Structure formats: C-alpha cells, structure tokens
Amino acid sequence: MPRITTFRGKTLEELQKMSVDDFSKIIKSRQRRAIKRMGQSYKELINKVDKAKKSGSGKAIKTHSREAVILPGWVNMKFSVYNGKSFNDLNISMDMVGHRLGEFAYTVKHVVHSAPGIRATRGSKFLAVK
C-alpha cells in the first residue's frame, strides 16, 4: 500500500490549490514571517519558478536564495542551491515543504581524518618512510 504524505493534514493536491496567503496560515510562524516579508531575491526566485513551469523544461533552477521557504507548487522541481562554493542539486519532495532551501544544501563538509602522516606525533619519527 503506497504511503500517502500529508502536510498538516492536507494532501499535495489540496496544498497546490491554496494561495500563498492561505498556505502561510498553516505553516510555522518563522516561515510565515519570511513569506510575509518577502524580499527581492525571493520574488525573483518565484518568478524564475513560474517561468520554468510554463516552459516545462527539466532544467534545475539556480539560486543563491538559501532563505527561501519551499512552497507546495515547487514539489517535483529541481533546484541548484549555492552553498558558498558550488551549487548543490535538490529534487524537492513533499517532505521538504515549509522548510528553507538552505537546510538541504550544507555549507560545511563532514571531516574524515585518515591515518597520521609523517611528523604528526612524537612517535611517528620512528616509523619507516615509504
């Protein structure tokens, strides 16, 4: 049996029929304020999304706007979010609705250290040099 995903008791079809103002009433207050005080970069991103929907191309939408709240109309779209060094590709799913784009494009990598190198410790001077 397929899993039916909902957001605050509403299915994806119901969310997509809502206006942005109606959607902002059911999300958390921090995201509601972000949508209410929509900046210029967020408006430009919404215009880019509308153009991409009309054209129907499967290209990823490049953006630097990490603080943009993910809207229900963006589900199944591709985004490339800037993390400070490069663009990370995202496929928006139903579970991401109401979150921000920056939450899914990490800016810091997880550091994995390997074995110590030469002169890493006092005892390493007795190791054979390869």
N, C-alpha and C. Protein backbone atom coordinates (compact mmCIF):
# COMPACT_ATOMS: atom_id res chain seq x y z
N MET A 1 0.84 -1.17 0.00
CA MET A 1 0.00 0.00 0.00
C MET A 1 0.89 1.24 0.00
N PRO A 2 0.69 2.17 -0.94
CA PRO A 2 1.55 3.36 -1.01
C PRO A 2 1.30 4.28 0.17
N ARG A 3 2.37 4.93 0.58
CA ARG A 3 2.30 5.86 1.70
C ARG A 3 1.77 7.20 1.21
N ILE A 4 0.76 7.71 1.85
CA ILE A 4 0.19 8.99 1.49
C ILE A 4 0.82 10.04 2.40
N THR A 5 1.55 10.97 1.80
CA THR A 5 2.20 12.01 2.59
C THR A 5 1.28 13.22 2.67
N THR A 6 1.18 13.77 3.86
CA THR A 6 0.38 14.96 4.07
C THR A 6 1.21 15.99 4.80
N PHE A 7 0.76 17.23 4.72
CA PHE A 7 1.38 18.33 5.44
C PHE A 7 0.28 19.00 6.24
N ARG A 8 0.35 18.86 7.56
CA ARG A 8 -0.66 19.40 8.47
C ARG A 8 -2.06 18.93 8.10
N GLY A 9 -2.16 17.64 7.70
CA GLY A 9 -3.46 17.04 7.37
C GLY A 9 -3.96 17.32 5.97
N LYS A 10 -3.17 17.97 5.15
CA LYS A 10 -3.59 18.30 3.78
C LYS A 10 -2.71 17.56 2.78
N THR A 11 -3.31 17.05 1.72
CA THR A 11 -2.56 16.35 0.69
C THR A 11 -1.89 17.37 -0.23
N LEU A 12 -1.04 16.87 -1.10
CA LEU A 12 -0.31 17.75 -2.02
C LEU A 12 -1.27 18.49 -2.95
N GLU A 13 -2.30 17.81 -3.44
CA GLU A 13 -3.26 18.45 -4.35
C GLU A 13 -3.98 19.60 -3.66
N GLU A 14 -4.36 19.39 -2.39
CA GLU A 14 -5.03 20.45 -1.64
C GLU A 14 -4.10 21.64 -1.41
N LEU A 15 -2.83 21.35 -1.12
CA LEU A 15 -1.86 22.41 -0.88
C LEU A 15 -1.59 23.22 -2.15
N GLN A 16 -1.52 22.54 -3.28
CA GLN A 16 -1.22 23.24 -4.53
C GLN A 16 -2.38 24.12 -4.98
N LYS A 17 -3.60 23.79 -4.56
CA LYS A 17 -4.75 24.63 -4.90
C LYS A 17 -4.81 25.89 -4.04
N MET A 18 -4.11 25.89 -2.89
CA MET A 18 -4.12 27.04 -1.97
C MET A 18 -3.32 28.20 -2.55
N SER A 19 -3.70 29.40 -2.14
CA SER A 19 -2.87 30.56 -2.47
C SER A 19 -1.72 30.62 -1.46
N VAL A 20 -0.76 31.47 -1.73
CA VAL A 20 0.39 31.60 -0.83
C VAL A 20 -0.06 32.12 0.53
N ASP A 21 -1.05 33.02 0.56
CA ASP A 21 -1.55 33.55 1.83
C ASP A 21 -2.23 32.46 2.66
N ASP A 22 -3.01 31.61 2.01
CA ASP A 22 -3.66 30.51 2.73
C ASP A 22 -2.64 29.50 3.24
N PHE A 23 -1.63 29.24 2.42
CA PHE A 23 -0.58 28.30 2.83
C PHE A 23 0.20 28.86 4.02
N SER A 24 0.43 30.17 4.02
CA SER A 24 1.21 30.75 5.11
C SER A 24 0.47 30.67 6.45
N LYS A 25 -0.85 30.50 6.42
CA LYS A 25 -1.61 30.38 7.67
C LYS A 25 -1.43 29.03 8.35
N ILE A 26 -0.99 28.01 7.61
CA ILE A 26 -0.86 26.69 8.22
C ILE A 26 0.59 26.31 8.51
N ILE A 27 1.56 27.17 8.17
CA ILE A 27 2.95 26.85 8.47
C ILE A 27 3.37 27.54 9.76
N LYS A 28 4.56 27.24 10.22
CA LYS A 28 5.06 27.80 11.47
C LYS A 28 5.32 29.30 11.32
N SER A 29 5.39 29.98 12.45
CA SER A 29 5.44 31.44 12.44
C SER A 29 6.71 31.99 11.80
N ARG A 30 7.84 31.31 11.96
CA ARG A 30 9.09 31.81 11.39
C ARG A 30 9.00 31.82 9.86
N GLN A 31 8.46 30.76 9.29
CA GLN A 31 8.32 30.71 7.84
C GLN A 31 7.21 31.66 7.36
N ARG A 32 6.18 31.80 8.17
CA ARG A 32 5.09 32.72 7.83
C ARG A 32 5.62 34.15 7.72
N ARG A 33 6.47 34.55 8.66
CA ARG A 33 7.06 35.90 8.62
C ARG A 33 7.96 36.07 7.41
N ALA A 34 8.69 35.00 7.05
CA ALA A 34 9.58 35.08 5.89
C ALA A 34 8.78 35.28 4.60
N ILE A 35 7.64 34.62 4.50
CA ILE A 35 6.81 34.77 3.31
C ILE A 35 6.15 36.15 3.31
N LYS A 36 5.71 36.58 4.48
CA LYS A 36 5.04 37.88 4.59
C LYS A 36 5.99 39.02 4.23
N ARG A 37 7.24 38.93 4.67
CA ARG A 37 8.23 39.97 4.40
C ARG A 37 9.13 39.55 3.25
N MET A 38 8.53 39.11 2.19
CA MET A 38 9.23 38.57 1.04
C MET A 38 10.19 39.60 0.45
N GLY A 39 11.49 39.25 0.40
CA GLY A 39 12.49 40.15 -0.14
C GLY A 39 12.54 40.08 -1.66
N GLN A 40 13.39 40.90 -2.22
CA GLN A 40 13.51 40.97 -3.68
C GLN A 40 14.04 39.67 -4.27
N SER A 41 15.02 39.04 -3.59
CA SER A 41 15.58 37.80 -4.12
C SER A 41 14.55 36.67 -4.12
N TYR A 42 13.67 36.67 -3.11
CA TYR A 42 12.62 35.64 -3.04
C TYR A 42 11.59 35.85 -4.14
N LYS A 43 11.25 37.12 -4.42
CA LYS A 43 10.31 37.42 -5.50
C LYS A 43 10.89 37.01 -6.85
N GLU A 44 12.19 37.27 -7.03
CA GLU A 44 12.85 36.88 -8.28
C GLU A 44 12.85 35.37 -8.44
N LEU A 45 13.06 34.65 -7.33
CA LEU A 45 13.05 33.19 -7.38
C LEU A 45 11.67 32.67 -7.76
N ILE A 46 10.62 33.26 -7.20
CA ILE A 46 9.26 32.85 -7.53
C ILE A 46 8.98 33.10 -9.01
N ASN A 47 9.47 34.21 -9.56
CA ASN A 47 9.30 34.48 -10.99
C ASN A 47 10.05 33.46 -11.84
N LYS A 48 11.26 33.07 -11.41
CA LYS A 48 12.03 32.04 -12.12
C LYS A 48 11.27 30.72 -12.14
N VAL A 49 10.67 30.37 -10.99
CA VAL A 49 9.92 29.12 -10.89
C VAL A 49 8.72 29.14 -11.81
N ASP A 50 8.01 30.27 -11.84
CA ASP A 50 6.85 30.39 -12.72
C ASP A 50 7.23 30.24 -14.19
N LYS A 51 8.36 30.86 -14.58
CA LYS A 51 8.83 30.75 -15.97
C LYS A 51 9.21 29.30 -16.29
N ALA A 52 9.87 28.63 -15.34
CA ALA A 52 10.28 27.24 -15.56
C ALA A 52 9.07 26.32 -15.68
N LYS A 53 8.02 26.59 -14.92
CA LYS A 53 6.80 25.79 -15.01
C LYS A 53 6.14 25.96 -16.37
N LYS A 54 6.11 27.21 -16.84
CA LYS A 54 5.46 27.48 -18.13
C LYS A 54 6.24 26.87 -19.29
N SER A 55 7.58 26.91 -19.21
CA SER A 55 8.38 26.38 -20.29
C SER A 55 8.41 24.85 -20.27
N GLY A 56 8.26 24.26 -19.09
CA GLY A 56 8.22 22.81 -18.99
C GLY A 56 9.57 22.14 -19.12
N SER A 57 10.65 22.92 -19.09
CA SER A 57 11.98 22.31 -19.19
C SER A 57 12.34 21.65 -17.87
N GLY A 58 13.12 20.59 -17.93
CA GLY A 58 13.53 19.87 -16.74
C GLY A 58 14.81 20.38 -16.13
N LYS A 59 15.23 21.58 -16.54
CA LYS A 59 16.47 22.14 -16.03
C LYS A 59 16.31 22.56 -14.57
N ALA A 60 17.42 22.51 -13.86
CA ALA A 60 17.42 22.95 -12.46
C ALA A 60 17.43 24.47 -12.40
N ILE A 61 16.73 25.02 -11.43
CA ILE A 61 16.67 26.46 -11.23
C ILE A 61 17.80 26.85 -10.28
N LYS A 62 18.75 27.64 -10.78
CA LYS A 62 19.89 28.06 -9.96
C LYS A 62 19.48 29.24 -9.08
N THR A 63 19.89 29.18 -7.81
CA THR A 63 19.57 30.26 -6.90
C THR A 63 20.61 30.40 -5.81
N HIS A 64 20.78 31.63 -5.34
CA HIS A 64 21.61 31.91 -4.18
C HIS A 64 20.73 32.12 -2.95
N SER A 65 19.43 32.14 -3.14
CA SER A 65 18.48 32.44 -2.07
C SER A 65 18.25 31.20 -1.20
N ARG A 66 19.11 31.04 -0.20
CA ARG A 66 19.03 29.89 0.70
C ARG A 66 17.90 30.05 1.71
N GLU A 67 17.47 31.29 1.95
CA GLU A 67 16.45 31.54 2.96
C GLU A 67 15.03 31.40 2.44
N ALA A 68 14.87 31.03 1.17
CA ALA A 68 13.54 30.91 0.58
C ALA A 68 12.79 29.71 1.16
N VAL A 69 11.55 29.94 1.55
CA VAL A 69 10.70 28.88 2.08
C VAL A 69 10.14 28.08 0.90
N ILE A 70 10.19 26.76 0.99
CA ILE A 70 9.74 25.89 -0.08
C ILE A 70 8.22 25.85 -0.10
N LEU A 71 7.63 26.20 -1.23
CA LEU A 71 6.19 26.25 -1.40
C LEU A 71 5.68 24.95 -2.02
N PRO A 72 4.40 24.63 -1.83
CA PRO A 72 3.86 23.37 -2.37
C PRO A 72 3.92 23.27 -3.89
N GLY A 73 3.88 24.39 -4.58
CA GLY A 73 3.94 24.37 -6.04
C GLY A 73 5.30 23.98 -6.58
N TRP A 74 6.31 23.91 -5.72
CA TRP A 74 7.66 23.58 -6.14
C TRP A 74 7.95 22.08 -6.06
N VAL A 75 7.01 21.28 -5.59
CA VAL A 75 7.25 19.84 -5.43
C VAL A 75 7.52 19.22 -6.79
N ASN A 76 8.48 18.32 -6.85
CA ASN A 76 8.94 17.61 -8.06
C ASN A 76 9.72 18.52 -9.01
N MET A 77 10.19 19.65 -8.54
CA MET A 77 11.04 20.52 -9.35
C MET A 77 12.48 20.36 -8.91
N LYS A 78 13.41 20.77 -9.78
CA LYS A 78 14.83 20.68 -9.48
C LYS A 78 15.38 22.08 -9.21
N PHE A 79 16.16 22.18 -8.15
CA PHE A 79 16.81 23.43 -7.79
C PHE A 79 18.30 23.19 -7.63
N SER A 80 19.10 24.21 -7.90
CA SER A 80 20.53 24.20 -7.60
C SER A 80 20.77 25.34 -6.63
N VAL A 81 21.09 24.99 -5.38
CA VAL A 81 21.23 25.97 -4.31
C VAL A 81 22.71 26.18 -4.03
N TYR A 82 23.11 27.43 -3.96
CA TYR A 82 24.52 27.79 -3.73
C TYR A 82 24.87 27.59 -2.26
N ASN A 83 25.99 26.90 -2.01
CA ASN A 83 26.39 26.65 -0.62
C ASN A 83 27.61 27.47 -0.21
N GLY A 84 28.01 28.42 -1.02
CA GLY A 84 29.17 29.25 -0.72
C GLY A 84 30.36 28.91 -1.58
N LYS A 85 30.34 27.73 -2.18
CA LYS A 85 31.44 27.29 -3.05
C LYS A 85 30.92 26.77 -4.38
N SER A 86 29.86 25.99 -4.33
CA SER A 86 29.31 25.40 -5.55
C SER A 86 27.80 25.29 -5.40
N PHE A 87 27.14 24.84 -6.46
CA PHE A 87 25.70 24.66 -6.44
C PHE A 87 25.38 23.20 -6.15
N ASN A 88 24.52 22.96 -5.16
CA ASN A 88 24.07 21.61 -4.82
C ASN A 88 22.70 21.38 -5.44
N ASP A 89 22.53 20.24 -6.11
CA ASP A 89 21.26 19.92 -6.75
C ASP A 89 20.28 19.36 -5.73
N LEU A 90 19.03 19.81 -5.82
CA LEU A 90 17.96 19.33 -4.97
C LEU A 90 16.76 18.95 -5.81
N ASN A 91 16.14 17.85 -5.47
CA ASN A 91 14.84 17.50 -6.02
C ASN A 91 13.85 17.70 -4.89
N ILE A 92 12.93 18.63 -5.06
CA ILE A 92 12.00 18.98 -4.00
C ILE A 92 10.95 17.89 -3.87
N SER A 93 10.78 17.40 -2.63
CA SER A 93 9.76 16.38 -2.36
C SER A 93 8.73 16.97 -1.39
N MET A 94 7.68 16.22 -1.14
CA MET A 94 6.60 16.67 -0.27
C MET A 94 7.10 16.91 1.16
N ASP A 95 8.09 16.13 1.59
CA ASP A 95 8.60 16.28 2.96
C ASP A 95 9.36 17.58 3.16
N MET A 96 9.79 18.24 2.09
CA MET A 96 10.57 19.47 2.20
C MET A 96 9.69 20.73 2.28
N VAL A 97 8.40 20.60 2.04
CA VAL A 97 7.51 21.75 2.02
C VAL A 97 7.49 22.42 3.39
N GLY A 98 7.63 23.74 3.40
CA GLY A 98 7.62 24.51 4.64
C GLY A 98 9.01 24.73 5.21
N HIS A 99 10.01 24.00 4.72
CA HIS A 99 11.39 24.21 5.16
C HIS A 99 12.04 25.24 4.23
N ARG A 100 13.29 25.56 4.51
CA ARG A 100 14.02 26.51 3.66
C ARG A 100 14.99 25.76 2.76
N LEU A 101 15.31 26.35 1.62
CA LEU A 101 16.22 25.70 0.67
C LEU A 101 17.59 25.45 1.27
N GLY A 102 18.08 26.35 2.10
CA GLY A 102 19.40 26.24 2.68
C GLY A 102 19.56 25.07 3.63
N GLU A 103 18.45 24.54 4.14
CA GLU A 103 18.53 23.40 5.05
C GLU A 103 18.99 22.13 4.35
N PHE A 104 18.88 22.10 3.03
CA PHE A 104 19.21 20.90 2.28
C PHE A 104 20.48 21.04 1.45
N ALA A 105 21.14 22.19 1.54
CA ALA A 105 22.41 22.42 0.85
C ALA A 105 23.43 22.80 1.92
N TYR A 106 24.11 21.82 2.45
CA TYR A 106 25.02 22.05 3.56
C TYR A 106 26.22 22.89 3.12
N THR A 107 26.67 23.77 4.00
CA THR A 107 27.78 24.66 3.69
C THR A 107 29.11 24.10 4.20
N VAL A 108 29.06 23.14 5.11
CA VAL A 108 30.26 22.57 5.70
C VAL A 108 30.26 21.07 5.47
N LYS A 109 31.39 20.55 5.02
CA LYS A 109 31.51 19.11 4.82
C LYS A 109 31.84 18.41 6.12
N HIS A 110 31.49 17.15 6.20
CA HIS A 110 31.88 16.32 7.34
C HIS A 110 33.34 15.92 7.15
N VAL A 111 34.18 16.19 8.13
CA VAL A 111 35.61 15.93 8.02
C VAL A 111 35.89 14.50 8.43
N VAL A 112 36.59 13.78 7.58
CA VAL A 112 37.01 12.41 7.88
C VAL A 112 38.53 12.40 7.86
N HIS A 113 39.12 12.12 9.01
CA HIS A 113 40.57 12.11 9.11
C HIS A 113 41.09 10.70 8.80
N SER A 114 42.24 10.65 8.18
CA SER A 114 42.86 9.36 7.88
C SER A 114 43.97 9.10 8.89
N ALA A 115 44.83 8.18 8.58
CA ALA A 115 45.94 7.85 9.47
C ALA A 115 46.90 9.03 9.57
N PRO A 116 47.62 9.18 10.68
CA PRO A 116 48.55 10.30 10.83
C PRO A 116 49.71 10.20 9.83
N GLY A 117 50.18 11.34 9.41
CA GLY A 117 51.29 11.37 8.46
C GLY A 117 52.62 11.49 9.16
N ILE A 118 53.65 11.73 8.39
CA ILE A 118 55.00 11.88 8.94
C ILE A 118 55.05 13.16 9.78
N ARG A 119 55.71 13.08 10.92
CA ARG A 119 55.84 14.16 11.88
C ARG A 119 54.50 14.62 12.46
N ALA A 120 53.51 13.72 12.46
CA ALA A 120 52.23 14.07 13.04
C ALA A 120 52.30 14.02 14.56
N THR A 121 53.08 13.07 15.09
CA THR A 121 53.26 12.95 16.54
C THR A 121 54.73 12.70 16.84
N ARG A 122 55.08 12.70 18.13
CA ARG A 122 56.48 12.43 18.52
C ARG A 122 56.89 11.01 18.15
N GLY A 123 55.97 10.06 18.26
CA GLY A 123 56.30 8.68 17.99
C GLY A 123 56.43 8.35 16.51
N SER A 124 55.93 9.21 15.64
CA SER A 124 55.94 8.90 14.21
C SER A 124 57.33 9.04 13.60
N LYS A 125 58.28 9.64 14.32
CA LYS A 125 59.63 9.75 13.75
C LYS A 125 60.33 8.41 13.70
N PHE A 126 59.78 7.40 14.42
CA PHE A 126 60.37 6.07 14.38
C PHE A 126 59.73 5.17 13.31
N LEU A 127 58.73 5.67 12.59
CA LEU A 127 58.09 4.89 11.54
C LEU A 127 58.95 4.96 10.27
N ALA A 128 58.87 3.90 9.50
CA ALA A 128 59.63 3.87 8.25
C ALA A 128 58.97 4.78 7.24
N VAL A 129 59.77 5.53 6.47
CA VAL A 129 59.28 6.41 5.45
C VAL A 129 59.04 5.59 4.19
N LYS A 130 57.88 5.68 3.60
CA LYS A 130 57.57 4.89 2.41
C LYS A 130 58.15 5.50 1.18
